[in-house]
Structures are given as C-alpha cells and as structure tokens.
PDB file of N, CA and C in Angstrom:
ATOM      1  N   MET A   1      48.259 -28.930  55.349  1.00  0.00           N
ATOM      2  CA  MET A   1      47.121 -28.107  55.002  1.00  0.00           C
ATOM      3  C   MET A   1      47.583 -26.772  54.437  1.00  0.00           C
ATOM      4  N   ALA A   2      46.761 -26.212  53.618  1.00  0.00           N
ATOM      5  CA  ALA A   2      47.083 -24.936  52.983  1.00  0.00           C
ATOM      6  C   ALA A   2      46.768 -23.781  53.930  1.00  0.00           C
ATOM      7  N   GLN A   3      47.711 -22.866  54.002  1.00  0.00           N
ATOM      8  CA  GLN A   3      47.509 -21.653  54.793  1.00  0.00           C
ATOM      9  C   GLN A   3      46.843 -20.610  53.903  1.00  0.00           C
ATOM     10  N   LEU A   4      45.758 -20.041  54.379  1.00  0.00           N
ATOM     11  CA  LEU A   4      45.058 -19.007  53.635  1.00  0.00           C
ATOM     12  C   LEU A   4      45.217 -17.680  54.352  1.00  0.00           C
ATOM     13  N   GLN A   5      45.329 -16.622  53.578  1.00  0.00           N
ATOM     14  CA  GLN A   5      45.472 -15.289  54.151  1.00  0.00           C
ATOM     15  C   GLN A   5      44.432 -14.383  53.502  1.00  0.00           C
ATOM     16  N   ILE A   6      43.662 -13.708  54.341  1.00  0.00           N
ATOM     17  CA  ILE A   6      42.639 -12.781  53.862  1.00  0.00           C
ATOM     18  C   ILE A   6      42.970 -11.399  54.389  1.00  0.00           C
ATOM     19  N   ASN A   7      42.936 -10.430  53.499  1.00  0.00           N
ATOM     20  CA  ASN A   7      43.149  -9.043  53.887  1.00  0.00           C
ATOM     21  C   ASN A   7      41.771  -8.379  53.965  1.00  0.00           C
ATOM     22  N   THR A   8      41.366  -7.951  55.154  1.00  0.00           N
ATOM     23  CA  THR A   8      40.044  -7.365  55.342  1.00  0.00           C
ATOM     24  C   THR A   8      40.021  -5.918  54.873  1.00  0.00           C
ATOM     25  N   THR A   9      38.844  -5.308  54.895  1.00  0.00           N
ATOM     26  CA  THR A   9      38.704  -3.915  54.462  1.00  0.00           C
ATOM     27  C   THR A   9      39.402  -2.950  55.406  1.00  0.00           C
ATOM     28  N   GLN A  10      39.687  -3.380  56.629  1.00  0.00           N
ATOM     29  CA  GLN A  10      40.419  -2.542  57.581  1.00  0.00           C
ATOM     30  C   GLN A  10      41.920  -2.819  57.538  1.00  0.00           C
ATOM     31  N   ASN A  11      42.384  -3.486  56.497  1.00  0.00           N
ATOM     32  CA  ASN A  11      43.790  -3.854  56.317  1.00  0.00           C
ATOM     33  C   ASN A  11      44.330  -4.715  57.453  1.00  0.00           C
ATOM     34  N   VAL A  12      43.516  -5.642  57.888  1.00  0.00           N
ATOM     35  CA  VAL A  12      43.940  -6.614  58.891  1.00  0.00           C
ATOM     36  C   VAL A  12      44.077  -7.953  58.179  1.00  0.00           C
ATOM     37  N   ASN A  13      45.218  -8.578  58.329  1.00  0.00           N
ATOM     38  CA  ASN A  13      45.451  -9.884  57.721  1.00  0.00           C
ATOM     39  C   ASN A  13      44.962 -10.983  58.652  1.00  0.00           C
ATOM     40  N   ILE A  14      44.175 -11.877  58.095  1.00  0.00           N
ATOM     41  CA  ILE A  14      43.681 -13.023  58.847  1.00  0.00           C
ATOM     42  C   ILE A  14      44.291 -14.263  58.217  1.00  0.00           C
ATOM     43  N   ASN A  15      45.012 -15.025  59.013  1.00  0.00           N
ATOM     44  CA  ASN A  15      45.636 -16.263  58.551  1.00  0.00           C
ATOM     45  C   ASN A  15      44.927 -17.445  59.195  1.00  0.00           C
ATOM     46  N   PHE A  16      44.598 -18.434  58.393  1.00  0.00           N
ATOM     47  CA  PHE A  16      44.009 -19.642  58.944  1.00  0.00           C
ATOM     48  C   PHE A  16      44.321 -20.822  58.043  1.00  0.00           C
ATOM     49  N   THR A  17      44.155 -21.997  58.611  1.00  0.00           N
ATOM     50  CA  THR A  17      44.412 -23.237  57.897  1.00  0.00           C
ATOM     51  C   THR A  17      43.097 -23.777  57.348  1.00  0.00           C
ATOM     52  N   ALA A  18      43.091 -24.146  56.088  1.00  0.00           N
ATOM     53  CA  ALA A  18      41.887 -24.696  55.465  1.00  0.00           C
ATOM     54  C   ALA A  18      41.590 -26.077  56.041  1.00  0.00           C
ATOM     55  N   ALA A  19      40.314 -26.399  56.149  1.00  0.00           N
ATOM     56  CA  ALA A  19      39.896 -27.695  56.676  1.00  0.00           C
ATOM     57  C   ALA A  19      40.121 -28.782  55.629  1.00  0.00           C
ATOM     58  N   SER A  20      40.424 -29.968  56.117  1.00  0.00           N
ATOM     59  CA  SER A  20      40.619 -31.096  55.204  1.00  0.00           C
ATOM     60  C   SER A  20      39.260 -31.644  54.765  1.00  0.00           C
ATOM     61  N   VAL A  21      39.290 -32.556  53.819  1.00  0.00           N
ATOM     62  CA  VAL A  21      38.054 -33.153  53.317  1.00  0.00           C
ATOM     63  C   VAL A  21      37.346 -33.926  54.429  1.00  0.00           C
ATOM     64  N   GLY A  22      38.103 -34.630  55.247  1.00  0.00           N
ATOM     65  CA  GLY A  22      37.515 -35.383  56.352  1.00  0.00           C
ATOM     66  C   GLY A  22      36.837 -34.485  57.370  1.00  0.00           C
ATOM     67  N   GLU A  23      37.476 -33.363  57.681  1.00  0.00           N
ATOM     68  CA  GLU A  23      36.879 -32.420  58.626  1.00  0.00           C
ATOM     69  C   GLU A  23      35.608 -31.801  58.057  1.00  0.00           C
ATOM     70  N   ARG A  24      35.608 -31.518  56.782  1.00  0.00           N
ATOM     71  CA  ARG A  24      34.411 -30.958  56.143  1.00  0.00           C
ATOM     72  C   ARG A  24      33.282 -31.981  56.109  1.00  0.00           C
ATOM     73  N   LEU A  25      33.614 -33.226  55.822  1.00  0.00           N
ATOM     74  CA  LEU A  25      32.604 -34.277  55.800  1.00  0.00           C
ATOM     75  C   LEU A  25      32.011 -34.485  57.191  1.00  0.00           C
ATOM     76  N   LEU A  26      32.852 -34.492  58.199  1.00  0.00           N
ATOM     77  CA  LEU A  26      32.372 -34.633  59.567  1.00  0.00           C
ATOM     78  C   LEU A  26      31.465 -33.463  59.952  1.00  0.00           C
ATOM     79  N   ALA A  27      31.842 -32.257  59.586  1.00  0.00           N
ATOM     80  CA  ALA A  27      31.019 -31.084  59.876  1.00  0.00           C
ATOM     81  C   ALA A  27      29.675 -31.170  59.158  1.00  0.00           C
ATOM     82  N   TYR A  28      29.676 -31.656  57.928  1.00  0.00           N
ATOM     83  CA  TYR A  28      28.439 -31.824  57.164  1.00  0.00           C
ATOM     84  C   TYR A  28      27.514 -32.825  57.856  1.00  0.00           C
ATOM     85  N   LEU A  29      28.069 -33.934  58.320  1.00  0.00           N
ATOM     86  CA  LEU A  29      27.265 -34.941  59.012  1.00  0.00           C
ATOM     87  C   LEU A  29      26.725 -34.414  60.334  1.00  0.00           C
ATOM     88  N   VAL A  30      27.537 -33.671  61.067  1.00  0.00           N
ATOM     89  CA  VAL A  30      27.079 -33.070  62.324  1.00  0.00           C
ATOM     90  C   VAL A  30      25.938 -32.094  62.055  1.00  0.00           C
ATOM     91  N   ASP A  31      26.040 -31.316  60.995  1.00  0.00           N
ATOM     92  CA  ASP A  31      24.961 -30.395  60.631  1.00  0.00           C
ATOM     93  C   ASP A  31      23.662 -31.144  60.363  1.00  0.00           C
ATOM     94  N   TRP A  32      23.739 -32.252  59.637  1.00  0.00           N
ATOM     95  CA  TRP A  32      22.530 -33.019  59.344  1.00  0.00           C
ATOM     96  C   TRP A  32      21.948 -33.649  60.594  1.00  0.00           C
ATOM     97  N   VAL A  33      22.790 -34.113  61.505  1.00  0.00           N
ATOM     98  CA  VAL A  33      22.292 -34.678  62.764  1.00  0.00           C
ATOM     99  C   VAL A  33      21.549 -33.610  63.557  1.00  0.00           C
ATOM    100  N   ILE A  34      22.078 -32.400  63.596  1.00  0.00           N
ATOM    101  CA  ILE A  34      21.415 -31.305  64.306  1.00  0.00           C
ATOM    102  C   ILE A  34      20.079 -30.971  63.644  1.00  0.00           C
ATOM    103  N   LYS A  35      20.034 -30.937  62.331  1.00  0.00           N
ATOM    104  CA  LYS A  35      18.780 -30.641  61.625  1.00  0.00           C
ATOM    105  C   LYS A  35      17.722 -31.708  61.887  1.00  0.00           C
ATOM    106  N   ILE A  36      18.114 -32.966  61.842  1.00  0.00           N
ATOM    107  CA  ILE A  36      17.165 -34.052  62.090  1.00  0.00           C
ATOM    108  C   ILE A  36      16.685 -34.021  63.534  1.00  0.00           C
ATOM    109  N   ALA A  37      17.585 -33.740  64.468  1.00  0.00           N
ATOM    110  CA  ALA A  37      17.187 -33.627  65.870  1.00  0.00           C
ATOM    111  C   ALA A  37      16.205 -32.479  66.061  1.00  0.00           C
ATOM    112  N   TYR A  38      16.422 -31.359  65.375  1.00  0.00           N
ATOM    113  CA  TYR A  38      15.494 -30.226  65.459  1.00  0.00           C
ATOM    114  C   TYR A  38      14.111 -30.622  64.954  1.00  0.00           C
ATOM    115  N   ILE A  39      14.059 -31.337  63.842  1.00  0.00           N
ATOM    116  CA  ILE A  39      12.769 -31.766  63.294  1.00  0.00           C
ATOM    117  C   ILE A  39      12.046 -32.685  64.269  1.00  0.00           C
ATOM    118  N   ILE A  40      12.754 -33.631  64.847  1.00  0.00           N
ATOM    119  CA  ILE A  40      12.136 -34.576  65.777  1.00  0.00           C
ATOM    120  C   ILE A  40      11.648 -33.865  67.030  1.00  0.00           C
ATOM    121  N   VAL A  41      12.478 -33.014  67.609  1.00  0.00           N
ATOM    122  CA  VAL A  41      12.095 -32.305  68.833  1.00  0.00           C
ATOM    123  C   VAL A  41      10.930 -31.359  68.569  1.00  0.00           C
ATOM    124  N   THR A  42      10.969 -30.639  67.454  1.00  0.00           N
ATOM    125  CA  THR A  42       9.872 -29.733  67.115  1.00  0.00           C
ATOM    126  C   THR A  42       8.573 -30.504  66.937  1.00  0.00           C
ATOM    127  N   TYR A  43       8.628 -31.611  66.241  1.00  0.00           N
ATOM    128  CA  TYR A  43       7.420 -32.408  66.030  1.00  0.00           C
ATOM    129  C   TYR A  43       6.872 -32.915  67.358  1.00  0.00           C
ATOM    130  N   GLN A  44       7.743 -33.427  68.207  1.00  0.00           N
ATOM    131  CA  GLN A  44       7.287 -33.974  69.479  1.00  0.00           C
ATOM    132  C   GLN A  44       6.672 -32.900  70.370  1.00  0.00           C
ATOM    133  N   ILE A  45       7.319 -31.751  70.458  1.00  0.00           N
ATOM    134  CA  ILE A  45       6.820 -30.694  71.344  1.00  0.00           C
ATOM    135  C   ILE A  45       5.574 -30.033  70.767  1.00  0.00           C
ATOM    136  N   VAL A  46       5.657 -29.573  69.539  1.00  0.00           N
ATOM    137  CA  VAL A  46       4.576 -28.764  68.976  1.00  0.00           C
ATOM    138  C   VAL A  46       3.373 -29.612  68.589  1.00  0.00           C
ATOM    139  N   PHE A  47       3.593 -30.697  67.902  1.00  0.00           N
ATOM    140  CA  PHE A  47       2.463 -31.433  67.354  1.00  0.00           C
ATOM    141  C   PHE A  47       1.948 -32.532  68.278  1.00  0.00           C
ATOM    142  N   ASN A  48       2.770 -33.097  69.129  1.00  0.00           N
ATOM    143  CA  ASN A  48       2.283 -34.121  70.056  1.00  0.00           C
ATOM    144  C   ASN A  48       1.942 -33.539  71.422  1.00  0.00           C
ATOM    145  N   LEU A  49       2.833 -32.757  71.991  1.00  0.00           N
ATOM    146  CA  LEU A  49       2.621 -32.233  73.341  1.00  0.00           C
ATOM    147  C   LEU A  49       1.592 -31.105  73.358  1.00  0.00           C
ATOM    148  N   LEU A  50       1.686 -30.179  72.433  1.00  0.00           N
ATOM    149  CA  LEU A  50       0.775 -29.034  72.396  1.00  0.00           C
ATOM    150  C   LEU A  50      -0.470 -29.289  71.545  1.00  0.00           C
ATOM    151  N   LYS A  51      -0.548 -30.418  70.888  1.00  0.00           N
ATOM    152  CA  LYS A  51      -1.708 -30.823  70.087  1.00  0.00           C
ATOM    153  C   LYS A  51      -2.066 -29.824  68.989  1.00  0.00           C
ATOM    154  N   VAL A  52      -1.074 -29.249  68.346  1.00  0.00           N
ATOM    155  CA  VAL A  52      -1.318 -28.289  67.270  1.00  0.00           C
ATOM    156  C   VAL A  52      -1.902 -28.992  66.049  1.00  0.00           C
ATOM    157  N   GLU A  53      -1.590 -30.244  65.870  1.00  0.00           N
ATOM    158  CA  GLU A  53      -2.078 -30.964  64.694  1.00  0.00           C
ATOM    159  C   GLU A  53      -3.602 -31.065  64.693  1.00  0.00           C
ATOM    160  N   GLU A  54      -4.221 -31.145  65.876  1.00  0.00           N
ATOM    161  CA  GLU A  54      -5.682 -31.173  65.943  1.00  0.00           C
ATOM    162  C   GLU A  54      -6.272 -29.842  65.489  1.00  0.00           C
ATOM    163  N   LEU A  55      -5.594 -28.738  65.791  1.00  0.00           N
ATOM    164  CA  LEU A  55      -6.068 -27.426  65.361  1.00  0.00           C
ATOM    165  C   LEU A  55      -5.880 -27.231  63.862  1.00  0.00           C
ATOM    166  N   VAL A  56      -4.813 -27.778  63.331  1.00  0.00           N
ATOM    167  CA  VAL A  56      -4.489 -27.619  61.919  1.00  0.00           C
ATOM    168  C   VAL A  56      -5.402 -28.486  61.049  1.00  0.00           C
ATOM    169  N   PHE A  57      -5.934 -29.555  61.606  1.00  0.00           N
ATOM    170  CA  PHE A  57      -6.688 -30.536  60.823  1.00  0.00           C
ATOM    171  C   PHE A  57      -7.891 -29.921  60.109  1.00  0.00           C
ATOM    172  N   GLY A  58      -8.574 -28.961  60.704  1.00  0.00           N
ATOM    173  CA  GLY A  58      -9.765 -28.377  60.100  1.00  0.00           C
ATOM    174  C   GLY A  58      -9.490 -27.258  59.114  1.00  0.00           C
ATOM    175  N   MET A  59      -8.255 -26.895  58.914  1.00  0.00           N
ATOM    176  CA  MET A  59      -7.908 -25.770  58.039  1.00  0.00           C
ATOM    177  C   MET A  59      -7.742 -26.224  56.593  1.00  0.00           C
ATOM    178  N   ASP A  60      -7.746 -25.239  55.685  1.00  0.00           N
ATOM    179  CA  ASP A  60      -7.492 -25.561  54.286  1.00  0.00           C
ATOM    180  C   ASP A  60      -6.014 -25.916  54.096  1.00  0.00           C
ATOM    181  N   ARG A  61      -5.680 -26.458  52.929  1.00  0.00           N
ATOM    182  CA  ARG A  61      -4.329 -26.968  52.683  1.00  0.00           C
ATOM    183  C   ARG A  61      -3.266 -25.876  52.748  1.00  0.00           C
ATOM    184  N   TRP A  62      -3.586 -24.661  52.269  1.00  0.00           N
ATOM    185  CA  TRP A  62      -2.609 -23.576  52.279  1.00  0.00           C
ATOM    186  C   TRP A  62      -2.296 -23.142  53.705  1.00  0.00           C
ATOM    187  N   SER A  63      -3.300 -23.091  54.554  1.00  0.00           N
ATOM    188  CA  SER A  63      -3.076 -22.712  55.950  1.00  0.00           C
ATOM    189  C   SER A  63      -2.271 -23.783  56.677  1.00  0.00           C
ATOM    190  N   GLN A  64      -2.581 -25.038  56.396  1.00  0.00           N
ATOM    191  CA  GLN A  64      -1.809 -26.129  56.992  1.00  0.00           C
ATOM    192  C   GLN A  64      -0.347 -26.045  56.571  1.00  0.00           C
ATOM    193  N   ALA A  65      -0.126 -25.830  55.291  1.00  0.00           N
ATOM    194  CA  ALA A  65       1.246 -25.732  54.788  1.00  0.00           C
ATOM    195  C   ALA A  65       1.976 -24.557  55.418  1.00  0.00           C
ATOM    196  N   ALA A  66       1.293 -23.433  55.602  1.00  0.00           N
ATOM    197  CA  ALA A  66       1.923 -22.259  56.214  1.00  0.00           C
ATOM    198  C   ALA A  66       2.335 -22.540  57.652  1.00  0.00           C
ATOM    199  N   ILE A  67       1.521 -23.259  58.391  1.00  0.00           N
ATOM    200  CA  ILE A  67       1.864 -23.582  59.782  1.00  0.00           C
ATOM    201  C   ILE A  67       3.038 -24.555  59.832  1.00  0.00           C
ATOM    202  N   TYR A  68       3.007 -25.581  58.993  1.00  0.00           N
ATOM    203  CA  TYR A  68       4.116 -26.532  58.975  1.00  0.00           C
ATOM    204  C   TYR A  68       5.423 -25.856  58.564  1.00  0.00           C
ATOM    205  N   VAL A  69       5.372 -25.009  57.564  1.00  0.00           N
ATOM    206  CA  VAL A  69       6.577 -24.314  57.099  1.00  0.00           C
ATOM    207  C   VAL A  69       7.118 -23.396  58.184  1.00  0.00           C
ATOM    208  N   SER A  70       6.243 -22.740  58.935  1.00  0.00           N
ATOM    209  CA  SER A  70       6.723 -21.828  59.981  1.00  0.00           C
ATOM    210  C   SER A  70       7.476 -22.568  61.080  1.00  0.00           C
ATOM    211  N   PHE A  71       7.095 -23.807  61.358  1.00  0.00           N
ATOM    212  CA  PHE A  71       7.809 -24.571  62.381  1.00  0.00           C
ATOM    213  C   PHE A  71       9.098 -25.188  61.854  1.00  0.00           C
ATOM    214  N   TYR A  72       9.111 -25.580  60.585  1.00  0.00           N
ATOM    215  CA  TYR A  72      10.276 -26.257  60.035  1.00  0.00           C
ATOM    216  C   TYR A  72      11.156 -25.353  59.185  1.00  0.00           C
ATOM    217  N   LEU A  73      10.885 -24.059  59.171  1.00  0.00           N
ATOM    218  CA  LEU A  73      11.650 -23.136  58.346  1.00  0.00           C
ATOM    219  C   LEU A  73      13.144 -23.083  58.698  1.00  0.00           C
ATOM    220  N   PRO A  74      13.539 -23.168  59.967  1.00  0.00           N
ATOM    221  CA  PRO A  74      14.982 -23.125  60.251  1.00  0.00           C
ATOM    222  C   PRO A  74      15.778 -24.264  59.623  1.00  0.00           C
ATOM    223  N   VAL A  75      15.131 -25.352  59.285  1.00  0.00           N
ATOM    224  CA  VAL A  75      15.839 -26.479  58.681  1.00  0.00           C
ATOM    225  C   VAL A  75      16.051 -26.186  57.229  1.00  0.00           C
TER     226      VAL A  75
END
C-alpha cells in the first residue's frame, strides 16, 4: 500500500496508509447497509408505530413531501 503524508497547517506531519480497492468497496457496502437499515427502522417506527402516515394523508402533496424528506434527509 502507498504511504501518504499530509502536512497540516500547524506543521504536523500525518502519515497513513491508503486503503485498498477491496477495503473501499467493503466500506461502501457497509455504508449502504446502514442507510437501508435507517430507512427501514425510520419507516417502522415513525409511520407504522406512531401512525404519522394517517396524519400526513389529509395534507397537500408539498406538505407530505416535506414531512417525508425531513425523516429521510440523513440518507
């Protein structure tokens, strides 16, 4: 692996080893698993357990979209 060296603004050298393609791919897949799990858990808690979808049903499309976006924005 390639050694990288970064000189910070405080003149501190940081040395680290770059990740391989396999490690990056694994990290990418782990990130997607976490995002999908967040979507599933949020949907189950907010829309099924707390029944927010019943409250959203009577609103106009823009208000519905704003509520959905606020819950799924971290993804």
